[in-house]
N, C-alpha and C. Protein backbone atom coordinates (compact mmCIF):
# COMPACT_ATOMS: atom_id res chain seq x y z
N SER A 1 59.12 -58.51 -19.92
CA SER A 1 57.90 -58.93 -19.47
C SER A 1 57.29 -58.91 -20.05
N GLY A 2 57.16 -58.49 -21.04
CA GLY A 2 56.26 -57.98 -22.04
C GLY A 2 55.82 -58.92 -23.05
N PHE A 3 54.68 -59.02 -23.97
CA PHE A 3 55.15 -59.55 -25.94
C PHE A 3 56.10 -58.68 -26.51
N GLN A 4 56.53 -59.37 -26.90
CA GLN A 4 57.45 -58.92 -27.54
C GLN A 4 56.80 -58.65 -29.20
N CYS A 5 57.53 -57.25 -30.07
CA CYS A 5 56.52 -57.02 -31.43
C CYS A 5 57.86 -56.87 -32.11
N VAL A 6 57.55 -57.10 -33.00
CA VAL A 6 58.78 -56.73 -34.27
C VAL A 6 58.57 -56.66 -35.83
N PRO A 7 58.61 -55.47 -36.29
CA PRO A 7 58.70 -55.55 -37.47
C PRO A 7 59.52 -56.02 -38.86
N GLN A 8 57.99 -56.49 -39.34
CA GLN A 8 59.39 -56.80 -40.62
C GLN A 8 59.80 -55.86 -41.53
N VAL A 9 61.22 -56.41 -41.65
CA VAL A 9 62.19 -55.20 -41.79
C VAL A 9 62.65 -55.47 -44.07
N VAL A 10 61.61 -53.93 -44.42
CA VAL A 10 61.65 -54.31 -45.04
C VAL A 10 62.58 -53.22 -46.63
N PRO A 11 63.00 -53.75 -47.40
CA PRO A 11 64.05 -53.39 -47.73
C PRO A 11 64.00 -51.45 -48.39
N SER A 12 65.38 -50.75 -47.82
CA SER A 12 64.35 -49.73 -48.14
C SER A 12 66.07 -48.64 -48.92
N ALA A 13 65.27 -47.75 -49.15
CA ALA A 13 66.33 -46.13 -49.79
C ALA A 13 67.54 -46.51 -48.36
N PRO A 14 68.52 -46.07 -48.88
CA PRO A 14 69.82 -45.47 -48.21
C PRO A 14 69.40 -44.32 -47.24
N LEU A 15 69.52 -44.06 -46.04
CA LEU A 15 69.87 -42.89 -44.95
C LEU A 15 67.92 -42.90 -45.45
N ALA A 16 67.21 -44.01 -45.37
CA ALA A 16 65.28 -43.67 -45.02
C ALA A 16 65.01 -43.84 -43.40
N ILE A 17 64.25 -42.85 -43.53
CA ILE A 17 64.08 -42.84 -41.72
C ILE A 17 62.62 -43.94 -41.79
N VAL A 18 62.21 -44.99 -40.78
CA VAL A 18 61.17 -45.86 -41.62
C VAL A 18 60.08 -45.99 -39.69
N LEU A 19 59.06 -44.85 -40.52
CA LEU A 19 58.12 -45.34 -38.65
C LEU A 19 56.86 -47.28 -38.77
N TYR A 20 57.71 -48.18 -38.46
CA TYR A 20 56.34 -49.33 -38.83
C TYR A 20 54.97 -49.04 -38.09
N TYR A 21 53.64 -49.30 -38.57
CA TYR A 21 52.43 -49.23 -37.94
C TYR A 21 52.27 -50.50 -37.92
N LEU A 22 52.67 -51.13 -36.97
CA LEU A 22 51.98 -52.52 -36.62
C LEU A 22 51.04 -52.41 -35.42
N ASP A 23 49.87 -53.95 -35.80
CA ASP A 23 49.04 -53.56 -35.10
C ASP A 23 49.63 -54.99 -33.28
N CYS A 24 51.11 -55.67 -33.77
CA CYS A 24 50.99 -55.55 -32.39
C CYS A 24 51.49 -55.03 -31.41
N ALA A 25 52.37 -53.10 -31.75
CA ALA A 25 52.34 -52.17 -31.20
C ALA A 25 51.04 -51.18 -30.92
N THR A 26 49.84 -51.86 -31.19
CA THR A 26 48.79 -51.33 -30.20
C THR A 26 48.21 -51.43 -29.04
N PRO A 27 47.78 -50.93 -28.40
CA PRO A 27 47.63 -51.10 -27.11
C PRO A 27 45.99 -51.78 -27.21
N ILE A 28 45.66 -52.59 -26.99
CA ILE A 28 44.17 -52.28 -26.87
C ILE A 28 43.35 -52.64 -25.72
N VAL A 29 42.33 -52.52 -25.59
CA VAL A 29 41.03 -51.98 -25.23
C VAL A 29 40.47 -53.34 -24.63
N SER A 30 40.44 -54.02 -23.94
CA SER A 30 39.57 -55.50 -23.69
C SER A 30 38.27 -55.05 -23.12
N SER A 31 37.80 -54.51 -21.75
CA SER A 31 37.00 -54.55 -20.75
C SER A 31 36.96 -53.75 -20.19
N ILE A 32 36.01 -53.13 -19.17
CA ILE A 32 35.94 -51.54 -19.08
C ILE A 32 34.98 -51.41 -17.78
N VAL A 33 35.46 -52.20 -16.56
CA VAL A 33 34.23 -52.57 -15.36
C VAL A 33 34.73 -51.41 -14.00
N PRO A 34 33.53 -51.49 -13.38
CA PRO A 34 31.97 -51.39 -13.75
C PRO A 34 31.19 -50.02 -14.77
N THR A 35 30.63 -50.13 -15.80
CA THR A 35 30.50 -48.82 -16.26
C THR A 35 29.32 -47.83 -15.92
N ASP A 36 28.44 -48.26 -15.03
CA ASP A 36 27.59 -47.93 -14.49
C ASP A 36 28.56 -47.21 -12.99
N ILE A 37 28.38 -45.88 -12.90
CA ILE A 37 29.88 -45.32 -11.87
C ILE A 37 28.73 -43.97 -10.85
N THR A 38 29.99 -43.60 -10.22
CA THR A 38 29.75 -42.14 -9.31
C THR A 38 31.07 -41.75 -9.83
N LEU A 39 30.61 -40.29 -9.12
CA LEU A 39 32.02 -39.31 -9.61
C LEU A 39 33.32 -40.67 -8.72
N VAL A 40 33.16 -41.43 -7.20
CA VAL A 40 34.55 -41.51 -6.73
C VAL A 40 34.47 -43.33 -6.99
N THR A 41 33.94 -43.73 -7.85
CA THR A 41 33.87 -45.17 -8.24
C THR A 41 35.35 -44.83 -9.36
N PRO A 42 36.34 -45.91 -9.31
CA PRO A 42 37.85 -46.40 -9.43
C PRO A 42 37.20 -47.13 -10.61
N ILE A 43 37.75 -47.10 -11.51
CA ILE A 43 37.58 -47.82 -12.85
C ILE A 43 38.14 -48.38 -13.52
N THR A 44 38.51 -50.11 -13.60
CA THR A 44 39.31 -51.07 -13.67
C THR A 44 39.48 -50.93 -16.18
N ILE A 45 40.44 -50.22 -16.40
CA ILE A 45 40.55 -50.35 -17.57
C ILE A 45 41.70 -51.93 -18.12
N SER A 46 41.05 -53.36 -18.65
CA SER A 46 42.19 -54.21 -18.36
C SER A 46 41.96 -54.29 -20.23
N GLY A 47 43.36 -54.62 -20.95
CA GLY A 47 43.60 -55.27 -22.31
C GLY A 47 45.39 -55.17 -21.89
N ARG A 48 45.90 -54.96 -23.64
CA ARG A 48 47.35 -55.08 -23.05
C ARG A 48 48.22 -53.83 -23.94
N GLY A 49 49.28 -53.86 -23.30
CA GLY A 49 50.33 -52.83 -24.06
C GLY A 49 49.76 -51.41 -23.38
N PHE A 50 49.57 -51.56 -22.80
CA PHE A 50 49.64 -50.28 -21.25
C PHE A 50 51.05 -50.14 -20.64
N SER A 51 51.22 -48.99 -20.60
CA SER A 51 52.27 -48.76 -19.20
C SER A 51 52.49 -49.20 -18.01
N SER A 52 53.42 -49.21 -17.55
CA SER A 52 53.41 -49.72 -15.49
C SER A 52 53.61 -48.85 -15.17
N ASN A 53 54.38 -47.34 -15.62
CA ASN A 53 54.32 -45.98 -15.38
C ASN A 53 52.57 -45.49 -15.31
N PRO A 54 52.33 -45.04 -14.61
CA PRO A 54 51.09 -43.95 -14.75
C PRO A 54 50.59 -43.18 -14.93
N SER A 55 51.78 -42.33 -15.19
CA SER A 55 51.69 -40.85 -16.30
C SER A 55 52.32 -40.98 -17.47
N ASP A 56 52.06 -42.22 -17.77
CA ASP A 56 51.90 -42.51 -19.47
C ASP A 56 51.23 -43.32 -19.64
N ASN A 57 49.92 -43.14 -19.04
CA ASN A 57 48.54 -43.66 -19.40
C ASN A 57 47.38 -42.06 -19.56
N VAL A 58 47.33 -41.26 -20.09
CA VAL A 58 46.45 -41.08 -20.04
C VAL A 58 44.85 -41.32 -21.06
N VAL A 59 43.77 -40.93 -19.42
CA VAL A 59 42.76 -41.93 -20.23
C VAL A 59 41.75 -40.69 -19.96
N THR A 60 40.99 -40.96 -20.58
CA THR A 60 39.71 -40.11 -20.93
C THR A 60 38.59 -40.43 -21.12
N PHE A 61 37.01 -39.97 -20.32
CA PHE A 61 35.96 -40.49 -20.89
C PHE A 61 34.77 -39.41 -20.90
N GLY A 62 34.87 -39.41 -22.51
CA GLY A 62 33.90 -38.22 -22.85
C GLY A 62 34.51 -36.94 -22.98
N GLY A 63 35.72 -37.22 -22.79
CA GLY A 63 37.01 -35.79 -22.56
C GLY A 63 37.00 -35.30 -21.37
N TYR A 64 37.12 -35.78 -20.70
CA TYR A 64 36.61 -36.09 -19.16
C TYR A 64 38.35 -36.82 -19.09
N ALA A 65 39.15 -36.21 -17.64
CA ALA A 65 40.03 -36.66 -17.67
C ALA A 65 39.89 -37.44 -16.46
N CYS A 66 40.63 -38.57 -16.86
CA CYS A 66 40.33 -40.16 -15.57
C CYS A 66 41.39 -39.87 -14.84
N LEU A 67 42.11 -39.83 -13.61
CA LEU A 67 43.48 -39.59 -12.67
C LEU A 67 44.11 -41.61 -13.16
N VAL A 68 44.84 -41.43 -13.46
CA VAL A 68 45.50 -42.80 -13.64
C VAL A 68 45.84 -43.17 -12.16
N ALA A 69 45.50 -43.66 -11.05
CA ALA A 69 46.16 -43.75 -9.71
C ALA A 69 47.02 -45.33 -10.06
N ASN A 70 47.01 -46.52 -10.48
CA ASN A 70 47.93 -46.88 -10.29
C ASN A 70 47.82 -47.92 -12.20
N SER A 71 48.47 -48.85 -12.04
CA SER A 71 48.72 -49.88 -13.56
C SER A 71 49.73 -50.78 -13.54
N SER A 72 49.62 -51.67 -15.18
CA SER A 72 50.87 -52.23 -15.25
C SER A 72 50.75 -52.06 -16.49
N GLU A 73 50.72 -53.88 -17.54
CA GLU A 73 51.71 -53.97 -18.43
C GLU A 73 49.66 -54.14 -19.25
N SER A 74 48.66 -54.71 -18.55
CA SER A 74 47.32 -55.36 -18.46
C SER A 74 46.36 -54.52 -18.12
N GLN A 75 46.54 -53.58 -16.74
CA GLN A 75 45.69 -53.29 -16.38
C GLN A 75 45.76 -51.78 -16.26
N VAL A 76 44.96 -50.83 -15.91
CA VAL A 76 44.48 -49.30 -14.83
C VAL A 76 43.95 -48.82 -14.85
N VAL A 77 44.01 -47.78 -14.03
CA VAL A 77 42.76 -48.07 -12.22
C VAL A 77 42.94 -46.68 -12.53
N CYS A 78 41.48 -45.93 -12.69
CA CYS A 78 41.55 -44.53 -13.36
C CYS A 78 40.21 -43.93 -12.35
N SER A 79 40.41 -42.50 -11.67
CA SER A 79 38.81 -42.10 -11.15
C SER A 79 38.57 -40.47 -11.89
N PHE A 80 37.27 -40.57 -11.31
CA PHE A 80 37.62 -38.42 -11.95
C PHE A 80 38.21 -37.25 -11.30
N GLY A 81 38.45 -37.48 -10.17
CA GLY A 81 39.19 -36.89 -9.45
C GLY A 81 37.93 -35.29 -9.23
N ASN A 82 38.87 -34.38 -9.69
CA ASN A 82 37.90 -32.95 -9.31
C ASN A 82 37.06 -32.94 -11.02
N ALA A 83 36.84 -34.08 -12.15
CA ALA A 83 36.24 -33.54 -13.68
C ALA A 83 34.77 -33.47 -13.17
N HIS A 84 33.94 -33.07 -14.31
CA HIS A 84 32.25 -32.97 -13.27
C HIS A 84 31.69 -33.38 -14.71
N PRO A 85 32.15 -34.71 -15.25
CA PRO A 85 31.17 -35.08 -16.30
C PRO A 85 30.32 -35.54 -16.51
N PRO A 86 28.96 -35.26 -17.55
CA PRO A 86 27.65 -35.05 -17.55
C PRO A 86 26.86 -36.26 -17.18
N SER A 87 25.91 -36.53 -16.04
CA SER A 87 25.48 -37.41 -15.62
C SER A 87 24.38 -38.36 -16.62
N PHE A 88 23.74 -39.82 -16.49
CA PHE A 88 23.55 -40.69 -17.66
C PHE A 88 23.11 -39.95 -18.87
N THR A 89 24.96 -39.67 -19.11
CA THR A 89 25.42 -39.91 -21.04
C THR A 89 26.41 -40.35 -20.94
N PRO A 90 26.50 -41.56 -21.98
CA PRO A 90 28.22 -42.10 -22.82
C PRO A 90 29.28 -41.80 -22.52
N LEU A 91 30.39 -41.93 -21.92
CA LEU A 91 31.11 -41.42 -22.31
C LEU A 91 32.39 -42.65 -22.85
N PRO A 92 32.65 -42.27 -24.02
CA PRO A 92 33.12 -42.67 -24.58
C PRO A 92 34.84 -43.25 -23.87
N LEU A 93 35.33 -44.11 -23.72
CA LEU A 93 37.02 -44.54 -23.67
C LEU A 93 37.67 -43.75 -24.47
N ALA A 94 39.04 -42.82 -24.21
CA ALA A 94 39.94 -42.55 -25.04
C ALA A 94 41.14 -42.79 -24.09
N MET A 95 42.28 -43.52 -25.03
CA MET A 95 43.70 -44.13 -24.51
C MET A 95 44.90 -43.50 -24.92
N ASN A 96 45.95 -42.99 -24.28
CA ASN A 96 46.79 -42.54 -25.31
C ASN A 96 47.83 -43.16 -23.89
N ILE A 97 48.93 -44.47 -25.02
CA ILE A 97 50.15 -44.79 -24.40
C ILE A 97 51.86 -44.16 -25.23
N ARG A 98 52.22 -42.87 -24.00
CA ARG A 98 53.33 -42.44 -24.33
C ARG A 98 53.94 -43.43 -24.67
N GLY A 99 55.10 -43.30 -25.84
CA GLY A 99 55.38 -43.58 -26.79
C GLY A 99 54.81 -44.39 -27.40
N LEU A 100 54.10 -45.00 -27.15
CA LEU A 100 53.05 -46.35 -28.72
C LEU A 100 51.90 -45.53 -29.06
N GLY A 101 51.11 -44.37 -29.18
CA GLY A 101 49.84 -43.63 -29.19
C GLY A 101 48.81 -44.14 -28.82
N ASN A 102 47.25 -43.73 -30.03
CA ASN A 102 46.23 -44.16 -28.60
C ASN A 102 46.25 -45.32 -29.26
N ALA A 103 45.15 -46.02 -28.06
CA ALA A 103 44.60 -48.06 -27.84
C ALA A 103 43.59 -47.57 -28.39
N SER A 104 43.48 -49.62 -29.05
CA SER A 104 42.37 -49.65 -29.98
C SER A 104 41.75 -50.25 -28.29
N VAL A 105 40.01 -50.09 -28.85
CA VAL A 105 38.52 -50.16 -27.63
C VAL A 105 38.56 -50.97 -28.73
N GLN A 106 38.21 -52.36 -28.28
CA GLN A 106 37.65 -52.95 -28.46
C GLN A 106 35.81 -52.73 -28.60
N ALA A 107 34.87 -52.97 -29.59
CA ALA A 107 33.45 -53.18 -29.81
C ALA A 107 33.04 -53.45 -28.30
N ASN A 108 33.45 -54.78 -27.75
CA ASN A 108 33.00 -54.98 -26.56
C ASN A 108 33.32 -54.80 -25.26
N ALA A 109 34.04 -53.79 -25.06
CA ALA A 109 34.10 -52.41 -24.05
C ALA A 109 33.31 -51.35 -23.52
N PRO A 110 32.14 -50.91 -23.68
CA PRO A 110 31.38 -49.81 -23.50
C PRO A 110 31.29 -48.68 -23.16
N ASP A 111 31.05 -47.64 -23.12
CA ASP A 111 30.93 -46.36 -22.72
C ASP A 111 30.07 -46.88 -20.92
N VAL A 112 31.02 -45.98 -20.27
CA VAL A 112 30.09 -45.42 -19.10
C VAL A 112 29.58 -44.49 -18.97
N VAL A 113 28.86 -45.07 -18.23
CA VAL A 113 27.73 -43.41 -17.59
C VAL A 113 27.68 -43.87 -15.80
N LEU A 114 27.67 -42.02 -16.28
CA LEU A 114 27.83 -41.43 -14.67
C LEU A 114 26.39 -41.11 -14.07
N ARG A 115 26.59 -41.91 -12.26
CA ARG A 115 24.87 -41.90 -11.44
C ARG A 115 25.21 -40.62 -10.99
N PRO A 116 24.31 -40.25 -10.59
CA PRO A 116 24.37 -38.99 -9.99
C PRO A 116 24.93 -39.96 -8.47
N TYR A 117 25.70 -39.01 -7.63
CA TYR A 117 26.29 -39.44 -6.04
C TYR A 117 25.87 -38.56 -5.51
N VAL A 118 24.84 -39.22 -4.17
CA VAL A 118 24.09 -37.58 -2.65
C VAL A 118 25.40 -38.31 -1.19
N SER A 119 26.09 -37.30 -1.18
CA SER A 119 26.67 -38.08 0.08
C SER A 119 26.45 -37.34 1.03
N SER A 120 25.71 -36.46 1.37
CA SER A 120 25.23 -35.42 2.72
C SER A 120 23.29 -34.66 2.19
N VAL A 121 23.05 -34.95 3.60
CA VAL A 121 22.28 -34.09 3.76
C VAL A 121 21.75 -33.22 4.20
N PHE A 122 20.90 -31.60 4.87
CA PHE A 122 20.76 -31.04 5.60
C PHE A 122 19.82 -30.03 5.61
N PRO A 123 19.21 -29.68 5.95
CA PRO A 123 19.32 -30.84 7.90
C PRO A 123 18.71 -32.24 7.59
N VAL A 124 18.30 -32.66 9.05
CA VAL A 124 17.73 -34.35 8.74
C VAL A 124 16.49 -34.20 9.58
N GLN A 125 15.80 -32.98 10.31
CA GLN A 125 14.58 -33.02 9.82
C GLN A 125 13.97 -31.76 9.94
N GLY A 126 13.28 -31.37 10.01
CA GLY A 126 12.40 -30.23 9.55
C GLY A 126 10.39 -30.09 9.68
N SER A 127 9.65 -28.74 9.10
CA SER A 127 9.11 -29.40 10.27
C SER A 127 7.77 -29.51 9.84
N THR A 128 6.95 -30.42 10.47
CA THR A 128 5.87 -31.26 9.51
C THR A 128 4.47 -30.07 8.66
N ALA A 129 5.11 -28.34 9.06
CA ALA A 129 3.73 -27.90 8.36
C ALA A 129 4.94 -27.19 6.88
N GLY A 130 6.21 -28.72 6.40
CA GLY A 130 6.83 -27.96 5.70
C GLY A 130 7.85 -26.30 5.32
N GLY A 131 8.10 -26.08 4.13
CA GLY A 131 9.03 -24.89 4.58
C GLY A 131 10.58 -25.14 4.92
N THR A 132 10.26 -26.28 5.10
CA THR A 132 12.63 -26.99 5.76
C THR A 132 13.16 -26.21 3.97
N LEU A 133 14.20 -25.53 4.75
CA LEU A 133 15.07 -25.82 3.41
C LEU A 133 16.08 -26.90 3.80
N VAL A 134 15.93 -27.64 2.66
CA VAL A 134 16.53 -28.98 2.24
C VAL A 134 18.53 -28.52 0.72
N THR A 135 19.50 -28.95 1.80
CA THR A 135 20.54 -28.60 0.71
C THR A 135 21.34 -30.26 0.66
N ILE A 136 21.27 -31.04 -0.54
CA ILE A 136 21.43 -32.31 -0.77
C ILE A 136 22.83 -32.13 -1.46
N THR A 137 23.81 -32.76 -0.71
CA THR A 137 25.31 -32.66 -1.43
C THR A 137 25.37 -34.18 -1.70
N GLY A 138 26.76 -33.95 -3.19
CA GLY A 138 27.00 -34.67 -4.62
C GLY A 138 27.98 -34.58 -4.97
N GLU A 139 27.65 -35.47 -5.79
CA GLU A 139 28.12 -35.50 -7.16
C GLU A 139 27.15 -35.62 -8.57
N GLY A 140 27.78 -35.14 -9.57
CA GLY A 140 26.78 -35.11 -10.60
C GLY A 140 25.25 -34.77 -10.83
N LEU A 141 24.91 -33.67 -9.65
CA LEU A 141 23.27 -33.47 -9.82
C LEU A 141 22.76 -32.44 -10.28
N SER A 142 24.03 -32.08 -11.30
CA SER A 142 23.28 -30.91 -12.09
C SER A 142 22.07 -31.66 -13.15
N VAL A 143 21.66 -32.46 -13.35
CA VAL A 143 21.22 -33.34 -14.73
C VAL A 143 19.63 -31.76 -14.42
N ALA A 144 18.83 -31.90 -15.64
CA ALA A 144 17.51 -30.89 -16.07
C ALA A 144 16.97 -31.62 -15.57
N ASN A 145 15.38 -31.05 -15.59
CA ASN A 145 15.05 -32.24 -14.69
C ASN A 145 14.95 -32.85 -13.76
N VAL A 146 15.08 -32.73 -12.73
CA VAL A 146 15.88 -33.55 -11.95
C VAL A 146 14.11 -32.89 -11.66
N SER A 147 13.42 -33.72 -10.05
CA SER A 147 12.84 -33.49 -9.16
C SER A 147 13.16 -34.42 -7.72
N VAL A 148 12.20 -33.21 -6.95
CA VAL A 148 13.36 -34.70 -5.16
C VAL A 148 11.94 -35.00 -4.49
N ARG A 149 11.56 -36.04 -4.19
CA ARG A 149 10.56 -36.74 -3.08
C ARG A 149 12.04 -36.85 -1.79
N ILE A 150 10.80 -36.28 -0.98
CA ILE A 150 11.71 -37.13 0.97
C ILE A 150 10.47 -37.47 1.14
N GLY A 151 10.33 -38.93 1.86
CA GLY A 151 9.50 -39.79 2.08
C GLY A 151 8.26 -39.39 1.86
N GLY A 152 8.13 -38.89 0.01
CA GLY A 152 6.78 -39.01 -0.41
C GLY A 152 6.22 -37.73 -0.84
N SER A 153 6.99 -36.98 -0.03
CA SER A 153 6.15 -36.02 -0.52
C SER A 153 7.06 -35.12 -1.06
N ASN A 154 6.94 -34.50 -2.65
CA ASN A 154 7.91 -33.41 -2.57
C ASN A 154 8.60 -32.01 -2.43
N CYS A 155 9.48 -31.90 -2.75
CA CYS A 155 10.32 -30.51 -2.18
C CYS A 155 10.59 -29.97 -3.56
N THR A 156 9.81 -28.76 -3.12
CA THR A 156 10.33 -27.87 -4.66
C THR A 156 11.89 -27.46 -4.94
N VAL A 157 12.76 -28.23 -5.63
CA VAL A 157 13.79 -27.45 -6.33
C VAL A 157 13.98 -25.98 -6.06
N VAL A 158 14.58 -25.42 -5.36
CA VAL A 158 15.12 -23.65 -5.72
C VAL A 158 16.51 -24.12 -5.85
N SER A 159 17.49 -24.75 -6.26
CA SER A 159 18.26 -24.16 -7.18
C SER A 159 19.13 -25.60 -6.66
N GLN A 160 20.06 -25.45 -7.88
CA GLN A 160 20.42 -26.85 -8.35
C GLN A 160 22.16 -26.51 -9.28
N SER A 161 23.14 -27.19 -8.81
CA SER A 161 24.11 -26.91 -9.32
C SER A 161 24.81 -28.90 -9.45
N TYR A 162 25.85 -28.41 -9.92
CA TYR A 162 26.81 -30.46 -10.02
C TYR A 162 27.09 -30.49 -8.78
N GLN A 163 27.51 -30.40 -7.83
CA GLN A 163 27.00 -30.83 -6.29
C GLN A 163 26.52 -30.39 -5.16
N SER A 164 25.14 -29.95 -5.33
CA SER A 164 24.41 -29.71 -4.38
C SER A 164 22.77 -29.43 -5.74
N ILE A 165 21.66 -29.33 -5.14
CA ILE A 165 20.59 -29.53 -5.31
C ILE A 165 19.89 -28.63 -3.69
N THR A 166 18.52 -27.64 -3.41
CA THR A 166 18.49 -27.35 -2.69
C THR A 166 16.94 -27.08 -3.16
N CYS A 167 15.79 -27.40 -1.57
CA CYS A 167 14.41 -27.41 -1.86
C CYS A 167 14.08 -27.60 -0.95
N THR A 168 12.66 -27.56 -0.89
CA THR A 168 11.92 -26.65 -0.06
C THR A 168 10.95 -27.18 0.80
N THR A 169 10.82 -28.19 1.37
CA THR A 169 9.75 -29.45 2.00
C THR A 169 8.46 -28.67 1.65
N ALA A 170 7.62 -29.86 1.30
CA ALA A 170 5.90 -29.03 1.27
C ALA A 170 5.01 -29.72 2.72
N LEU A 171 4.35 -29.41 2.72
CA LEU A 171 3.51 -29.99 4.14
C LEU A 171 3.73 -31.54 4.43
N TYR A 172 3.85 -32.66 5.27
CA TYR A 172 3.70 -33.26 5.82
C TYR A 172 2.13 -33.93 5.96
N GLN A 173 2.51 -34.82 5.28
CA GLN A 173 1.15 -36.17 4.99
C GLN A 173 1.28 -36.86 5.33
N GLY A 174 1.39 -36.74 6.39
CA GLY A 174 1.52 -38.17 7.73
C GLY A 174 2.43 -39.50 7.51
N GLY A 175 1.66 -40.37 7.86
CA GLY A 175 2.04 -41.91 7.55
C GLY A 175 3.75 -42.14 7.94
N PRO A 176 4.41 -43.25 7.60
CA PRO A 176 5.64 -43.50 7.59
C PRO A 176 6.10 -42.01 7.61
N VAL A 177 7.56 -41.57 9.03
CA VAL A 177 8.42 -40.71 9.13
C VAL A 177 9.05 -40.81 8.03
N ALA A 178 9.25 -40.07 7.07
CA ALA A 178 10.48 -39.99 6.15
C ALA A 178 11.90 -40.70 6.40
N LYS A 179 11.75 -41.70 5.69
CA LYS A 179 13.32 -42.29 6.02
C LYS A 179 14.32 -41.96 4.18
N SER A 180 13.79 -41.75 3.56
CA SER A 180 14.52 -41.54 2.02
C SER A 180 14.46 -40.38 1.49
N ILE A 181 15.59 -40.00 0.73
CA ILE A 181 15.14 -38.55 -0.68
C ILE A 181 15.06 -39.46 -1.68
N VAL A 182 14.29 -39.22 -2.44
CA VAL A 182 14.20 -40.02 -4.05
C VAL A 182 14.41 -38.57 -5.18
N LEU A 183 15.95 -38.89 -5.73
CA LEU A 183 16.15 -37.35 -7.10
C LEU A 183 15.58 -38.59 -8.27
N LEU A 184 14.14 -37.71 -9.14
CA LEU A 184 13.83 -38.66 -10.08
C LEU A 184 14.83 -37.57 -11.48
N TYR A 185 14.64 -38.36 -12.26
CA TYR A 185 15.72 -37.75 -13.29
C TYR A 185 15.01 -38.80 -14.71
N SER A 186 13.25 -37.64 -14.96
CA SER A 186 13.32 -38.51 -16.32
C SER A 186 12.70 -39.92 -15.70
N SER A 187 12.42 -41.25 -16.36
CA SER A 187 12.62 -41.77 -16.34
C SER A 187 13.63 -43.12 -14.85
N LEU A 188 14.83 -42.14 -14.08
CA LEU A 188 16.14 -42.58 -13.77
C LEU A 188 15.26 -42.17 -12.59
N SER A 189 16.33 -42.76 -11.17
CA SER A 189 16.01 -42.32 -9.96
C SER A 189 17.51 -43.13 -8.94
N THR A 190 17.91 -41.80 -8.59
CA THR A 190 18.92 -42.00 -6.81
C THR A 190 18.04 -42.38 -6.05
N ILE A 191 18.69 -43.36 -5.16
CA ILE A 191 17.68 -43.16 -3.42
C ILE A 191 19.29 -43.14 -3.17
N THR A 192 19.15 -42.37 -1.44
CA THR A 192 19.74 -41.98 -0.87
C THR A 192 18.93 -42.53 0.89
N SER A 193 18.76 -43.13 1.72
CA SER A 193 18.35 -43.13 3.44
C SER A 193 19.30 -42.46 4.33
């Protein structure tokens, strides 16, 4: 079903054991999509020479395991599952196919970058006088120097982990009803409504 890779036989001494290093036996990664991901985003790796048995394809990005959900000889789909890779950090692909070895990643196959993902906010209402303790949950939230704005007002960060940020709201300054939460990471932001 796949391409054939046949070594050119080279005469050798009797009883010699030979291992052939062949370009045609090297798995090739030609593309990775998407490259701007959240922790729950499935990642599709395309190329050739992969195993159709998902457990034979070992995939990591930046050293973090990407669990293979399904695979064919030309495509592998994986996601991070319980791994906690850092946000806003390029994560290079490393891939090993059982029985063949490491895949060669072509230059046009870029690193993936994890973006924070917000799944919920609690509570969903608070005092206009401020002082409401708000917990934002999700994945990849533990980036240094985060600031939080709720409806245009600052929310002072009290604690932060990979899966949550807790902040205290400021005095409500009036204007439109707060409809969004903005997490500011230096010049990058993630918005949820």
